[in-house]
Amino acid sequence: MTEHPDLIRLAARTRNALADAVSTVFDPLLLVGVLLLAVGAVSPPTPWIGAAWALAAIAGCALGPEAVLRLLVRTGRVRDRQLVMREQRHTPMLVAAVCVVLTLAALILLGAPDRLVALVVTILVGLCVMAVVTRWWKASVHAAVAATCATVTAFVFGPVSLLGTVPVVAAVGWARVRAGRHSLPQILAGAALGALTTTLVFPAFLP
């Protein structure tokens, strides 16, 4: 098992507290939760109602997958929460996709704001794209989610928001490479997939 290329790259790096902190603060599930809340808060009819819808979406799109991921780690099905080994990403991604599908169905049936529905569709499509890529190659989920968040905020809050979000994408990419979790091509691929998928999907589902 120690000869696995993902573990070899991880072992070759010395521990870096800043890289670990960046990865933790900008964890994909945390970013998804913050993004859902931000988009919900600016959705009609009122910020409070939009935020309530967002909290419901967070329960399905972030808290559900997080609970299952922790269970998989605790039972030894996966090595660690960050899923350093590509082959161990398939089950968590499948579970996350199921959670997002159920959340999306509930939001549509209950009449959630269109912008929030469009975001959950984007999350689902992005997750499916990453799952397909992961069958053969390990693109960075951290980078993909960070790029998705940057792209969505540009659509919702305007291009000026990129001044704050692009540095986050860069910081996440640096942290993942510095920690030995990914190579630079894996970071670039993840960011490109996240930005491209969001650009194609999110506006297509807006009214």
Protein backbone atom coordinates (compact mmCIF):
# COMPACT_ATOMS: atom_id res chain seq x y z
CA MET A 1 0.00 0.00 0.00
CA THR A 2 2.92 2.38 0.72
CA GLU A 3 3.90 2.16 -2.97
CA HIS A 4 0.67 3.81 -4.07
CA PRO A 5 1.64 6.97 -6.02
CA ASP A 6 -0.73 9.18 -4.02
CA LEU A 7 0.85 8.01 -0.77
CA ILE A 8 4.37 8.37 -2.13
CA ARG A 9 3.69 12.01 -3.07
CA LEU A 10 2.12 12.64 0.35
CA ALA A 11 5.06 11.06 2.22
CA ALA A 12 7.58 13.13 0.23
CA ARG A 13 6.26 16.38 1.71
CA THR A 14 7.04 17.72 5.15
CA ARG A 15 4.11 18.93 7.24
CA ASN A 16 3.19 22.58 6.71
CA ALA A 17 0.82 24.22 9.18
CA LEU A 18 -0.25 26.99 6.82
CA ALA A 19 -1.09 24.56 4.00
CA ASP A 20 -3.08 22.42 6.42
CA ALA A 21 -4.93 25.48 7.71
CA VAL A 22 -5.82 26.68 4.20
CA SER A 23 -7.12 23.23 3.26
CA THR A 24 -9.23 23.12 6.42
CA VAL A 25 -10.68 26.63 6.14
CA PHE A 26 -11.50 26.17 2.46
CA ASP A 27 -12.69 22.58 2.74
CA PRO A 28 -15.02 21.76 -0.20
CA LEU A 29 -18.05 20.99 1.98
CA LEU A 30 -17.56 24.20 3.96
CA LEU A 31 -17.24 26.20 0.74
CA VAL A 32 -20.40 24.61 -0.63
CA GLY A 33 -22.26 25.53 2.55
CA VAL A 34 -21.08 29.14 2.52
CA LEU A 35 -21.89 29.49 -1.18
CA LEU A 36 -25.39 28.09 -0.75
CA LEU A 37 -26.03 30.47 2.14
CA ALA A 38 -24.71 33.48 0.21
CA VAL A 39 -26.80 32.71 -2.87
CA GLY A 40 -29.86 31.94 -0.77
CA ALA A 41 -29.56 35.23 1.10
CA VAL A 42 -29.80 37.24 -2.14
CA SER A 43 -32.65 35.17 -3.56
CA PRO A 44 -36.28 36.33 -3.47
CA PRO A 45 -38.60 36.88 -1.79
CA THR A 46 -36.54 37.98 1.25
CA PRO A 47 -33.01 37.33 2.53
CA TRP A 48 -34.36 35.44 5.55
CA ILE A 49 -36.52 33.11 3.49
CA GLY A 50 -33.71 32.59 0.99
CA ALA A 51 -31.32 31.79 3.82
CA ALA A 52 -33.81 29.26 5.21
CA TRP A 53 -33.96 27.54 1.84
CA ALA A 54 -30.17 27.56 1.74
CA LEU A 55 -29.96 25.89 5.15
CA ALA A 56 -32.20 23.10 3.86
CA ALA A 57 -29.92 22.72 0.83
CA ILE A 58 -26.84 22.68 3.07
CA ALA A 59 -28.31 19.80 5.07
CA GLY A 60 -28.55 17.68 1.93
CA CYS A 61 -25.56 18.86 -0.08
CA ALA A 62 -22.97 19.23 2.69
CA LEU A 63 -24.01 17.80 6.05
CA GLY A 64 -25.29 14.51 4.62
CA PRO A 65 -22.12 13.74 2.64
CA GLU A 66 -19.99 14.87 5.59
CA ALA A 67 -21.73 12.45 7.95
CA VAL A 68 -21.25 9.54 5.54
CA LEU A 69 -17.61 10.47 4.93
CA ARG A 70 -16.88 10.48 8.65
CA LEU A 71 -18.56 7.09 8.96
CA LEU A 72 -16.41 5.69 6.15
CA VAL A 73 -13.26 6.96 7.86
CA ARG A 74 -14.33 5.59 11.23
CA THR A 75 -15.06 2.15 9.79
CA GLY A 76 -11.81 2.05 7.83
CA ARG A 77 -13.43 2.08 4.39
CA VAL A 78 -11.32 5.10 3.43
CA ARG A 79 -7.87 6.09 4.69
CA ASP A 80 -8.64 9.67 5.71
CA ARG A 81 -11.27 12.37 5.33
CA GLN A 82 -9.37 14.08 2.51
CA LEU A 83 -9.42 10.89 0.43
CA VAL A 84 -5.80 11.02 -0.63
CA MET A 85 -6.08 7.73 -2.56
CA ARG A 86 -8.00 8.13 -5.83
CA GLU A 87 -9.57 4.67 -5.66
CA GLN A 88 -11.18 5.51 -2.33
CA ARG A 89 -13.09 8.47 -3.75
CA HIS A 90 -15.70 6.51 -5.69
CA THR A 91 -18.05 5.56 -2.84
CA PRO A 92 -18.05 8.99 -1.15
CA MET A 93 -18.72 10.66 -4.48
CA LEU A 94 -21.60 8.29 -5.23
CA VAL A 95 -23.13 8.92 -1.80
CA ALA A 96 -22.71 12.68 -2.24
CA ALA A 97 -24.41 12.51 -5.65
CA VAL A 98 -27.38 10.64 -4.18
CA CYS A 99 -27.67 13.23 -1.39
CA VAL A 100 -27.60 16.10 -3.88
CA VAL A 101 -30.18 14.45 -6.15
CA LEU A 102 -32.57 14.00 -3.23
CA THR A 103 -31.96 17.57 -2.11
CA LEU A 104 -32.57 18.90 -5.61
CA ALA A 105 -35.81 16.97 -5.95
CA ALA A 106 -37.06 18.32 -2.62
CA LEU A 107 -36.13 21.91 -3.51
CA ILE A 108 -37.94 21.73 -6.83
CA LEU A 109 -41.07 20.09 -5.39
CA LEU A 110 -41.28 22.58 -2.53
CA GLY A 111 -40.72 25.64 -4.72
CA ALA A 112 -37.26 26.83 -3.72
CA PRO A 113 -35.85 30.01 -5.35
CA ASP A 114 -34.70 29.48 -8.93
CA ARG A 115 -31.18 30.72 -8.28
CA LEU A 116 -30.70 28.24 -5.46
CA VAL A 117 -32.05 25.40 -7.59
CA ALA A 118 -29.65 26.39 -10.38
CA LEU A 119 -26.77 26.26 -7.91
CA VAL A 120 -27.70 22.78 -6.66
CA VAL A 121 -27.98 21.57 -10.27
CA THR A 122 -24.50 22.99 -10.86
CA ILE A 123 -23.17 21.19 -7.79
CA LEU A 124 -24.68 17.93 -9.02
CA VAL A 125 -23.28 18.23 -12.53
CA GLY A 126 -19.87 19.24 -11.22
CA LEU A 127 -19.85 16.28 -8.86
CA CYS A 128 -20.75 13.91 -11.68
CA VAL A 129 -18.01 15.31 -13.90
CA MET A 130 -15.44 14.91 -11.16
CA ALA A 131 -16.66 11.37 -10.43
CA VAL A 132 -16.22 10.37 -14.07
CA VAL A 133 -12.73 11.89 -14.24
CA THR A 134 -11.79 10.20 -10.97
CA ARG A 135 -12.36 6.79 -12.51
CA TRP A 136 -9.08 7.29 -14.38
CA TRP A 137 -7.29 10.29 -12.86
CA LYS A 138 -7.20 12.28 -9.64
CA ALA A 139 -8.21 15.87 -10.32
CA SER A 140 -8.43 18.12 -7.25
CA VAL A 141 -11.89 18.40 -5.70
CA HIS A 142 -10.65 21.26 -3.49
CA ALA A 143 -9.60 23.24 -6.57
CA ALA A 144 -12.77 22.36 -8.48
CA VAL A 145 -15.06 23.53 -5.68
CA ALA A 146 -13.05 26.70 -5.09
CA ALA A 147 -13.26 27.53 -8.81
CA THR A 148 -16.99 26.75 -8.83
CA CYS A 149 -17.52 29.15 -5.95
CA ALA A 150 -15.51 31.86 -7.70
CA THR A 151 -17.49 31.44 -10.91
CA VAL A 152 -20.89 31.40 -9.22
CA THR A 153 -20.10 34.50 -7.19
CA ALA A 154 -19.04 36.27 -10.39
CA PHE A 155 -22.46 35.50 -11.92
CA VAL A 156 -24.40 36.45 -8.79
CA PHE A 157 -22.40 39.35 -7.35
CA GLY A 158 -20.56 40.58 -10.42
CA PRO A 159 -17.04 40.18 -11.85
CA VAL A 160 -15.56 42.41 -9.14
CA SER A 161 -16.04 39.50 -6.72
CA LEU A 162 -13.22 37.70 -8.55
CA LEU A 163 -10.79 40.05 -6.80
CA GLY A 164 -11.58 38.18 -3.61
CA THR A 165 -12.26 34.69 -4.91
CA VAL A 166 -9.42 34.11 -7.38
CA PRO A 167 -6.79 34.50 -4.62
CA VAL A 168 -8.71 31.85 -2.66
CA VAL A 169 -8.51 29.45 -5.62
CA ALA A 170 -4.77 30.13 -5.89
CA ALA A 171 -4.26 29.64 -2.14
CA VAL A 172 -6.16 26.35 -2.20
CA GLY A 173 -4.09 25.14 -5.14
CA TRP A 174 -0.84 26.04 -3.40
CA ALA A 175 -1.93 24.35 -0.17
CA ARG A 176 -2.88 21.10 -1.88
CA VAL A 177 0.43 20.89 -3.76
CA ARG A 178 2.46 21.94 -0.72
CA ALA A 179 0.80 19.27 1.41
CA GLY A 180 1.52 16.60 -1.18
CA ARG A 181 -2.16 15.92 -1.73
CA HIS A 182 -2.04 16.79 -5.43
CA SER A 183 0.31 17.59 -8.27
CA LEU A 184 0.11 20.93 -10.07
CA PRO A 185 -1.61 19.39 -13.16
CA GLN A 186 -4.25 17.88 -10.88
CA ILE A 187 -4.88 21.30 -9.35
CA LEU A 188 -5.13 23.01 -12.73
CA ALA A 189 -7.44 20.32 -14.07
CA GLY A 190 -9.72 20.54 -11.05
CA ALA A 191 -9.95 24.32 -11.24
CA ALA A 192 -10.60 24.23 -14.99
CA LEU A 193 -13.31 21.58 -14.64
CA GLY A 194 -15.01 23.53 -11.86
CA ALA A 195 -14.98 26.85 -13.71
CA LEU A 196 -16.01 25.37 -17.06
CA THR A 197 -18.83 23.26 -15.68
CA THR A 198 -20.21 26.19 -13.71
CA THR A 199 -20.00 28.55 -16.68
CA LEU A 200 -21.99 26.11 -18.82
CA VAL A 201 -24.54 24.94 -16.25
CA PHE A 202 -25.35 27.69 -13.75
CA PRO A 203 -26.63 30.39 -16.14
CA ALA A 204 -28.46 27.78 -18.23
CA PHE A 205 -30.77 27.02 -15.30
CA LEU A 206 -31.48 30.62 -14.35
CA PRO A 207 -34.86 32.06 -15.38
